[in-house]
Amino acid sequence: MDGRVAGRRGQATRQKLLDCLSEMLSTSPYRDVKVIDVARMAGTSPATFYQYFPDVEGAVLELAEEMAKEGATLTDLVAGRSWAGKAAWSAAEDLVDGFLSFWRRNDAILRVVDLGAAEGDKRFYKIRMKILNAVTNSLTDSIKELQDKGRIDKSVSPAAVAGSLVAMLAAVAAHQKGFTSWGVKQAELKPNLALLVHLGVTGKKPTK
């Protein structure tokens, strides 16, 4: 926090604090997590915590930024993929699987990001959009390409369709556990979600 660059030992301590915070967020409500609890779990003191972070929220933002870097790679699930014939079904399946997996791995921190964004915190909002924009932009380009080839009607807005599909994926991914209460199994969720993505991008039923 004082601008000095931490050495190897300091970096290890900083990372341990972040790891402990991440673990606590997976078992406790964000508002209940205190500096003293994170420090105790990491085997250090609150004073040490404050050497690296201004408060719990500051440390959470660090975790969120790291997660956003991983989220930016979600664009690889779309960029350069073919949305014609059987390849389109594979692309839809891979996008759904990658999205759901990413959300499961980062469920705890994503819940905090969503909460902060919903409360109007621009820092959390920017992080959320950084994750979603990467996929949305790539999907928009894919739909534009199909449109230029005459496979999609000119009246379709690629950006609107891509944005709607990504928003759907994010909402479903964040609600995965809730689907079980509706009697929907995970094995049923993926193919049906992929079907919606395929229909949204190509306007056609998939060729499997």
C-alpha atoms as a PDB file:
ATOM      1  CA  MET A   1       0.000   0.000   0.000  1.00  0.00           C
ATOM      2  CA  ASP A   2       2.984   2.353   0.505  1.00  0.00           C
ATOM      3  CA  GLY A   3       4.139   1.880  -3.087  1.00  0.00           C
ATOM      4  CA  ARG A   4       7.033  -0.458  -2.396  1.00  0.00           C
ATOM      5  CA  VAL A   5       7.416  -3.604  -4.479  1.00  0.00           C
ATOM      6  CA  ALA A   6       7.003  -6.741  -2.376  1.00  0.00           C
ATOM      7  CA  GLY A   7       9.769  -9.331  -2.464  1.00  0.00           C
ATOM      8  CA  ARG A   8       9.251 -13.040  -3.002  1.00  0.00           C
ATOM      9  CA  ARG A   9       8.197 -13.610   0.613  1.00  0.00           C
ATOM     10  CA  GLY A  10       5.894 -10.609   0.537  1.00  0.00           C
ATOM     11  CA  GLN A  11       4.301 -11.767  -2.705  1.00  0.00           C
ATOM     12  CA  ALA A  12       3.711 -15.182  -1.148  1.00  0.00           C
ATOM     13  CA  THR A  13       2.045 -13.578   1.875  1.00  0.00           C
ATOM     14  CA  ARG A  14      -0.101 -11.383  -0.353  1.00  0.00           C
ATOM     15  CA  GLN A  15      -1.208 -14.366  -2.424  1.00  0.00           C
ATOM     16  CA  LYS A  16      -1.996 -16.381   0.696  1.00  0.00           C
ATOM     17  CA  LEU A  17      -4.238 -13.584   1.943  1.00  0.00           C
ATOM     18  CA  LEU A  18      -6.058 -13.559  -1.404  1.00  0.00           C
ATOM     19  CA  ASP A  19      -6.413 -17.351  -1.374  1.00  0.00           C
ATOM     20  CA  CYS A  20      -7.846 -17.275   2.146  1.00  0.00           C
ATOM     21  CA  LEU A  21     -10.238 -14.470   1.205  1.00  0.00           C
ATOM     22  CA  SER A  22     -11.396 -16.444  -1.826  1.00  0.00           C
ATOM     23  CA  GLU A  23     -12.035 -19.492   0.350  1.00  0.00           C
ATOM     24  CA  MET A  24     -13.972 -17.440   2.890  1.00  0.00           C
ATOM     25  CA  LEU A  25     -16.141 -15.894   0.179  1.00  0.00           C
ATOM     26  CA  SER A  26     -17.180 -19.394  -0.900  1.00  0.00           C
ATOM     27  CA  THR A  27     -18.569 -20.166   2.568  1.00  0.00           C
ATOM     28  CA  SER A  28     -19.581 -16.780   4.029  1.00  0.00           C
ATOM     29  CA  PRO A  29     -21.635 -13.794   2.829  1.00  0.00           C
ATOM     30  CA  TYR A  30     -19.401 -11.038   1.444  1.00  0.00           C
ATOM     31  CA  ARG A  31     -20.551  -8.497   4.065  1.00  0.00           C
ATOM     32  CA  ASP A  32     -19.622 -10.861   6.901  1.00  0.00           C
ATOM     33  CA  VAL A  33     -15.970 -11.277   5.882  1.00  0.00           C
ATOM     34  CA  LYS A  34     -13.666  -9.219   8.130  1.00  0.00           C
ATOM     35  CA  VAL A  35      -9.987  -8.350   7.830  1.00  0.00           C
ATOM     36  CA  ILE A  36      -9.175  -9.991  11.144  1.00  0.00           C
ATOM     37  CA  ASP A  37     -10.783 -13.257  10.007  1.00  0.00           C
ATOM     38  CA  VAL A  38      -8.866 -13.326   6.724  1.00  0.00           C
ATOM     39  CA  ALA A  39      -5.591 -12.526   8.515  1.00  0.00           C
ATOM     40  CA  ARG A  40      -6.184 -15.198  11.144  1.00  0.00           C
ATOM     41  CA  MET A  41      -6.933 -17.809   8.496  1.00  0.00           C
ATOM     42  CA  ALA A  42      -3.723 -16.856   6.669  1.00  0.00           C
ATOM     43  CA  GLY A  43      -1.745 -17.141   9.885  1.00  0.00           C
ATOM     44  CA  THR A  44      -0.815 -13.467   9.998  1.00  0.00           C
ATOM     45  CA  SER A  45      -2.064 -10.181  11.479  1.00  0.00           C
ATOM     46  CA  PRO A  46      -4.499  -7.467  10.350  1.00  0.00           C
ATOM     47  CA  ALA A  47      -1.519  -5.088  10.201  1.00  0.00           C
ATOM     48  CA  THR A  48       0.074  -7.343   7.590  1.00  0.00           C
ATOM     49  CA  PHE A  49      -3.188  -7.430   5.614  1.00  0.00           C
ATOM     50  CA  TYR A  50      -3.237  -3.630   5.501  1.00  0.00           C
ATOM     51  CA  GLN A  51       0.296  -3.606   4.106  1.00  0.00           C
ATOM     52  CA  TYR A  52      -1.147  -5.066   0.891  1.00  0.00           C
ATOM     53  CA  PHE A  53      -4.799  -3.995   0.745  1.00  0.00           C
ATOM     54  CA  PRO A  54      -6.811  -0.970   1.955  1.00  0.00           C
ATOM     55  CA  ASP A  55      -9.702  -3.164   3.135  1.00  0.00           C
ATOM     56  CA  VAL A  56     -11.606  -6.356   2.285  1.00  0.00           C
ATOM     57  CA  GLU A  57     -13.280  -4.684  -0.678  1.00  0.00           C
ATOM     58  CA  GLY A  58      -9.904  -3.698  -2.103  1.00  0.00           C
ATOM     59  CA  ALA A  59      -8.698  -7.291  -1.861  1.00  0.00           C
ATOM     60  CA  VAL A  60     -11.933  -8.535  -3.449  1.00  0.00           C
ATOM     61  CA  LEU A  61     -11.352  -6.191  -6.383  1.00  0.00           C
ATOM     62  CA  GLU A  62      -7.890  -7.721  -6.803  1.00  0.00           C
ATOM     63  CA  LEU A  63      -9.466 -11.177  -6.987  1.00  0.00           C
ATOM     64  CA  ALA A  64     -12.079  -9.900  -9.414  1.00  0.00           C
ATOM     65  CA  GLU A  65      -9.472  -8.364 -11.714  1.00  0.00           C
ATOM     66  CA  GLU A  66      -7.544 -11.642 -11.838  1.00  0.00           C
ATOM     67  CA  MET A  67     -10.749 -13.505 -12.610  1.00  0.00           C
ATOM     68  CA  ALA A  68     -11.560 -11.010 -15.377  1.00  0.00           C
ATOM     69  CA  LYS A  69      -8.245 -11.821 -17.057  1.00  0.00           C
ATOM     70  CA  GLU A  70      -9.267 -15.484 -17.141  1.00  0.00           C
ATOM     71  CA  GLY A  71     -12.728 -14.494 -18.337  1.00  0.00           C
ATOM     72  CA  ALA A  72     -11.244 -12.650 -21.301  1.00  0.00           C
ATOM     73  CA  THR A  73     -10.113 -16.019 -22.663  1.00  0.00           C
ATOM     74  CA  LEU A  74     -13.764 -17.018 -23.094  1.00  0.00           C
ATOM     75  CA  THR A  75     -13.592 -15.215 -26.418  1.00  0.00           C
ATOM     76  CA  ASP A  76     -11.420 -18.106 -27.655  1.00  0.00           C
ATOM     77  CA  LEU A  77     -14.552 -20.262 -27.529  1.00  0.00           C
ATOM     78  CA  VAL A  78     -16.044 -18.137 -30.315  1.00  0.00           C
ATOM     79  CA  ALA A  79     -13.277 -16.463 -32.289  1.00  0.00           C
ATOM     80  CA  GLY A  80     -12.435 -18.279 -35.486  1.00  0.00           C
ATOM     81  CA  ARG A  81     -15.105 -20.936 -35.004  1.00  0.00           C
ATOM     82  CA  SER A  82     -17.315 -22.060 -37.856  1.00  0.00           C
ATOM     83  CA  TRP A  83     -21.081 -21.670 -37.424  1.00  0.00           C
ATOM     84  CA  ALA A  84     -22.026 -23.781 -40.414  1.00  0.00           C
ATOM     85  CA  GLY A  85     -23.242 -27.380 -40.466  1.00  0.00           C
ATOM     86  CA  LYS A  86     -22.083 -29.774 -37.750  1.00  0.00           C
ATOM     87  CA  ALA A  87     -19.295 -27.387 -36.742  1.00  0.00           C
ATOM     88  CA  ALA A  88     -21.920 -24.912 -35.541  1.00  0.00           C
ATOM     89  CA  TRP A  89     -23.315 -27.425 -33.057  1.00  0.00           C
ATOM     90  CA  SER A  90     -19.830 -28.107 -31.706  1.00  0.00           C
ATOM     91  CA  ALA A  91     -19.229 -24.358 -31.370  1.00  0.00           C
ATOM     92  CA  ALA A  92     -22.498 -23.898 -29.466  1.00  0.00           C
ATOM     93  CA  GLU A  93     -21.720 -26.823 -27.139  1.00  0.00           C
ATOM     94  CA  ASP A  94     -18.192 -25.593 -26.441  1.00  0.00           C
ATOM     95  CA  LEU A  95     -19.389 -22.058 -25.708  1.00  0.00           C
ATOM     96  CA  VAL A  96     -22.023 -23.294 -23.259  1.00  0.00           C
ATOM     97  CA  ASP A  97     -19.662 -25.730 -21.571  1.00  0.00           C
ATOM     98  CA  GLY A  98     -16.932 -23.087 -21.248  1.00  0.00           C
ATOM     99  CA  PHE A  99     -19.316 -20.504 -19.845  1.00  0.00           C
ATOM    100  CA  LEU A 100     -20.859 -22.825 -17.268  1.00  0.00           C
ATOM    101  CA  SER A 101     -17.442 -24.153 -16.216  1.00  0.00           C
ATOM    102  CA  PHE A 102     -16.008 -20.648 -15.810  1.00  0.00           C
ATOM    103  CA  TRP A 103     -18.936 -19.616 -13.614  1.00  0.00           C
ATOM    104  CA  ARG A 104     -18.653 -22.725 -11.447  1.00  0.00           C
ATOM    105  CA  ARG A 105     -14.912 -22.164 -10.899  1.00  0.00           C
ATOM    106  CA  ASN A 106     -15.437 -18.530  -9.958  1.00  0.00           C
ATOM    107  CA  ASP A 107     -18.891 -18.695  -8.400  1.00  0.00           C
ATOM    108  CA  ALA A 108     -17.975 -16.986  -5.108  1.00  0.00           C
ATOM    109  CA  ILE A 109     -16.223 -13.944  -6.560  1.00  0.00           C
ATOM    110  CA  LEU A 110     -18.738 -13.619  -9.408  1.00  0.00           C
ATOM    111  CA  ARG A 111     -21.552 -13.369  -6.859  1.00  0.00           C
ATOM    112  CA  VAL A 112     -19.732 -10.446  -5.226  1.00  0.00           C
ATOM    113  CA  VAL A 113     -19.104  -8.811  -8.612  1.00  0.00           C
ATOM    114  CA  ASP A 114     -22.782  -9.160  -9.535  1.00  0.00           C
ATOM    115  CA  LEU A 115     -23.820  -7.708  -6.169  1.00  0.00           C
ATOM    116  CA  GLY A 116     -21.489  -4.735  -6.519  1.00  0.00           C
ATOM    117  CA  ALA A 117     -22.588  -4.109 -10.110  1.00  0.00           C
ATOM    118  CA  ALA A 118     -26.269  -4.311  -9.122  1.00  0.00           C
ATOM    119  CA  GLU A 119     -25.653  -1.760  -6.356  1.00  0.00           C
ATOM    120  CA  GLY A 120     -24.180   0.654  -8.882  1.00  0.00           C
ATOM    121  CA  ASP A 121     -20.496   0.243  -8.043  1.00  0.00           C
ATOM    122  CA  LYS A 122     -18.779   1.192 -11.309  1.00  0.00           C
ATOM    123  CA  ARG A 123     -15.629  -0.765 -10.427  1.00  0.00           C
ATOM    124  CA  PHE A 124     -17.513  -4.048 -10.210  1.00  0.00           C
ATOM    125  CA  TYR A 125     -19.669  -3.127 -13.204  1.00  0.00           C
ATOM    126  CA  LYS A 126     -16.572  -2.587 -15.368  1.00  0.00           C
ATOM    127  CA  ILE A 127     -15.151  -5.951 -14.324  1.00  0.00           C
ATOM    128  CA  ARG A 128     -18.412  -7.714 -15.161  1.00  0.00           C
ATOM    129  CA  MET A 129     -18.583  -6.020 -18.553  1.00  0.00           C
ATOM    130  CA  LYS A 130     -14.934  -6.832 -19.264  1.00  0.00           C
ATOM    131  CA  ILE A 131     -15.805 -10.526 -18.969  1.00  0.00           C
ATOM    132  CA  LEU A 132     -19.017 -10.361 -21.002  1.00  0.00           C
ATOM    133  CA  ASN A 133     -17.849  -7.906 -23.674  1.00  0.00           C
ATOM    134  CA  ALA A 134     -15.049 -10.160 -24.888  1.00  0.00           C
ATOM    135  CA  VAL A 135     -17.511 -12.939 -25.732  1.00  0.00           C
ATOM    136  CA  THR A 136     -20.197 -10.578 -27.007  1.00  0.00           C
ATOM    137  CA  ASN A 137     -17.853  -8.872 -29.462  1.00  0.00           C
ATOM    138  CA  SER A 138     -16.583 -12.166 -30.866  1.00  0.00           C
ATOM    139  CA  LEU A 139     -20.107 -13.542 -31.186  1.00  0.00           C
ATOM    140  CA  THR A 140     -21.234 -10.329 -32.888  1.00  0.00           C
ATOM    141  CA  ASP A 141     -18.451 -10.759 -35.478  1.00  0.00           C
ATOM    142  CA  SER A 142     -19.510 -14.372 -36.088  1.00  0.00           C
ATOM    143  CA  ILE A 143     -23.121 -13.366 -36.687  1.00  0.00           C
ATOM    144  CA  LYS A 144     -22.059 -10.504 -38.964  1.00  0.00           C
ATOM    145  CA  GLU A 145     -20.019 -12.961 -40.999  1.00  0.00           C
ATOM    146  CA  LEU A 146     -23.029 -15.239 -41.457  1.00  0.00           C
ATOM    147  CA  GLN A 147     -25.098 -12.196 -42.393  1.00  0.00           C
ATOM    148  CA  ASP A 148     -22.560 -11.081 -44.995  1.00  0.00           C
ATOM    149  CA  LYS A 149     -22.716 -14.560 -46.526  1.00  0.00           C
ATOM    150  CA  GLY A 150     -26.494 -14.299 -46.785  1.00  0.00           C
ATOM    151  CA  ARG A 151     -27.180 -17.002 -44.209  1.00  0.00           C
ATOM    152  CA  ILE A 152     -28.941 -14.625 -41.828  1.00  0.00           C
ATOM    153  CA  ASP A 153     -31.579 -12.030 -42.686  1.00  0.00           C
ATOM    154  CA  LYS A 154     -30.294  -8.458 -43.014  1.00  0.00           C
ATOM    155  CA  SER A 155     -32.925  -7.245 -40.544  1.00  0.00           C
ATOM    156  CA  VAL A 156     -31.155  -9.083 -37.705  1.00  0.00           C
ATOM    157  CA  SER A 157     -28.948  -6.958 -35.453  1.00  0.00           C
ATOM    158  CA  PRO A 158     -25.793  -9.027 -34.751  1.00  0.00           C
ATOM    159  CA  ALA A 159     -24.911  -6.998 -31.656  1.00  0.00           C
ATOM    160  CA  ALA A 160     -28.421  -7.295 -30.220  1.00  0.00           C
ATOM    161  CA  VAL A 161     -28.540 -11.062 -30.777  1.00  0.00           C
ATOM    162  CA  ALA A 162     -25.010 -11.605 -29.426  1.00  0.00           C
ATOM    163  CA  GLY A 163     -25.649  -9.435 -26.381  1.00  0.00           C
ATOM    164  CA  SER A 164     -28.920 -11.221 -25.630  1.00  0.00           C
ATOM    165  CA  LEU A 165     -27.317 -14.665 -25.925  1.00  0.00           C
ATOM    166  CA  VAL A 166     -24.393 -13.736 -23.674  1.00  0.00           C
ATOM    167  CA  ALA A 167     -26.747 -12.184 -21.101  1.00  0.00           C
ATOM    168  CA  MET A 168     -28.756 -15.424 -21.164  1.00  0.00           C
ATOM    169  CA  LEU A 169     -25.613 -17.516 -20.700  1.00  0.00           C
ATOM    170  CA  ALA A 170     -24.482 -15.374 -17.769  1.00  0.00           C
ATOM    171  CA  ALA A 171     -27.892 -15.556 -16.082  1.00  0.00           C
ATOM    172  CA  VAL A 172     -28.164 -19.314 -16.518  1.00  0.00           C
ATOM    173  CA  ALA A 173     -24.562 -19.866 -15.417  1.00  0.00           C
ATOM    174  CA  ALA A 174     -25.175 -17.873 -12.236  1.00  0.00           C
ATOM    175  CA  HIS A 175     -28.315 -19.885 -11.513  1.00  0.00           C
ATOM    176  CA  GLN A 176     -27.008 -23.397 -12.167  1.00  0.00           C
ATOM    177  CA  LYS A 177     -27.794 -24.690  -8.681  1.00  0.00           C
ATOM    178  CA  GLY A 178     -31.297 -23.301  -8.886  1.00  0.00           C
ATOM    179  CA  PHE A 179     -32.171 -25.451 -11.877  1.00  0.00           C
ATOM    180  CA  THR A 180     -32.067 -28.580  -9.728  1.00  0.00           C
ATOM    181  CA  SER A 181     -35.005 -27.243  -7.710  1.00  0.00           C
ATOM    182  CA  TRP A 182     -36.973 -27.187 -10.965  1.00  0.00           C
ATOM    183  CA  GLY A 183     -36.057 -30.796 -11.666  1.00  0.00           C
ATOM    184  CA  VAL A 184     -33.536 -29.880 -14.363  1.00  0.00           C
ATOM    185  CA  LYS A 185     -30.395 -32.000 -14.322  1.00  0.00           C
ATOM    186  CA  GLN A 186     -27.014 -30.589 -15.356  1.00  0.00           C
ATOM    187  CA  ALA A 187     -26.858 -33.172 -18.147  1.00  0.00           C
ATOM    188  CA  GLU A 188     -30.125 -31.768 -19.528  1.00  0.00           C
ATOM    189  CA  LEU A 189     -29.180 -28.121 -19.109  1.00  0.00           C
ATOM    190  CA  LYS A 190     -26.127 -28.074 -21.379  1.00  0.00           C
ATOM    191  CA  PRO A 191     -27.629 -29.498 -24.610  1.00  0.00           C
ATOM    192  CA  ASN A 192     -30.801 -27.434 -24.314  1.00  0.00           C
ATOM    193  CA  LEU A 193     -28.851 -24.254 -23.658  1.00  0.00           C
ATOM    194  CA  ALA A 194     -26.592 -25.085 -26.615  1.00  0.00           C
ATOM    195  CA  LEU A 195     -29.728 -25.499 -28.743  1.00  0.00           C
ATOM    196  CA  LEU A 196     -30.849 -21.969 -27.856  1.00  0.00           C
ATOM    197  CA  VAL A 197     -27.403 -20.578 -28.668  1.00  0.00           C
ATOM    198  CA  HIS A 198     -27.332 -22.397 -32.013  1.00  0.00           C
ATOM    199  CA  LEU A 199     -30.813 -21.164 -32.933  1.00  0.00           C
ATOM    200  CA  GLY A 200     -29.896 -17.629 -31.864  1.00  0.00           C
ATOM    201  CA  VAL A 201     -26.709 -17.487 -33.913  1.00  0.00           C
ATOM    202  CA  THR A 202     -27.729 -19.392 -37.051  1.00  0.00           C
ATOM    203  CA  GLY A 203     -31.532 -19.168 -36.984  1.00  0.00           C
ATOM    204  CA  LYS A 204     -31.647 -22.878 -37.747  1.00  0.00           C
ATOM    205  CA  LYS A 205     -31.951 -26.198 -35.963  1.00  0.00           C
ATOM    206  CA  PRO A 206     -28.557 -27.849 -35.427  1.00  0.00           C
ATOM    207  CA  THR A 207     -27.097 -30.543 -37.651  1.00  0.00           C
ATOM    208  CA  LYS A 208     -25.668 -33.124 -35.265  1.00  0.00           C
END
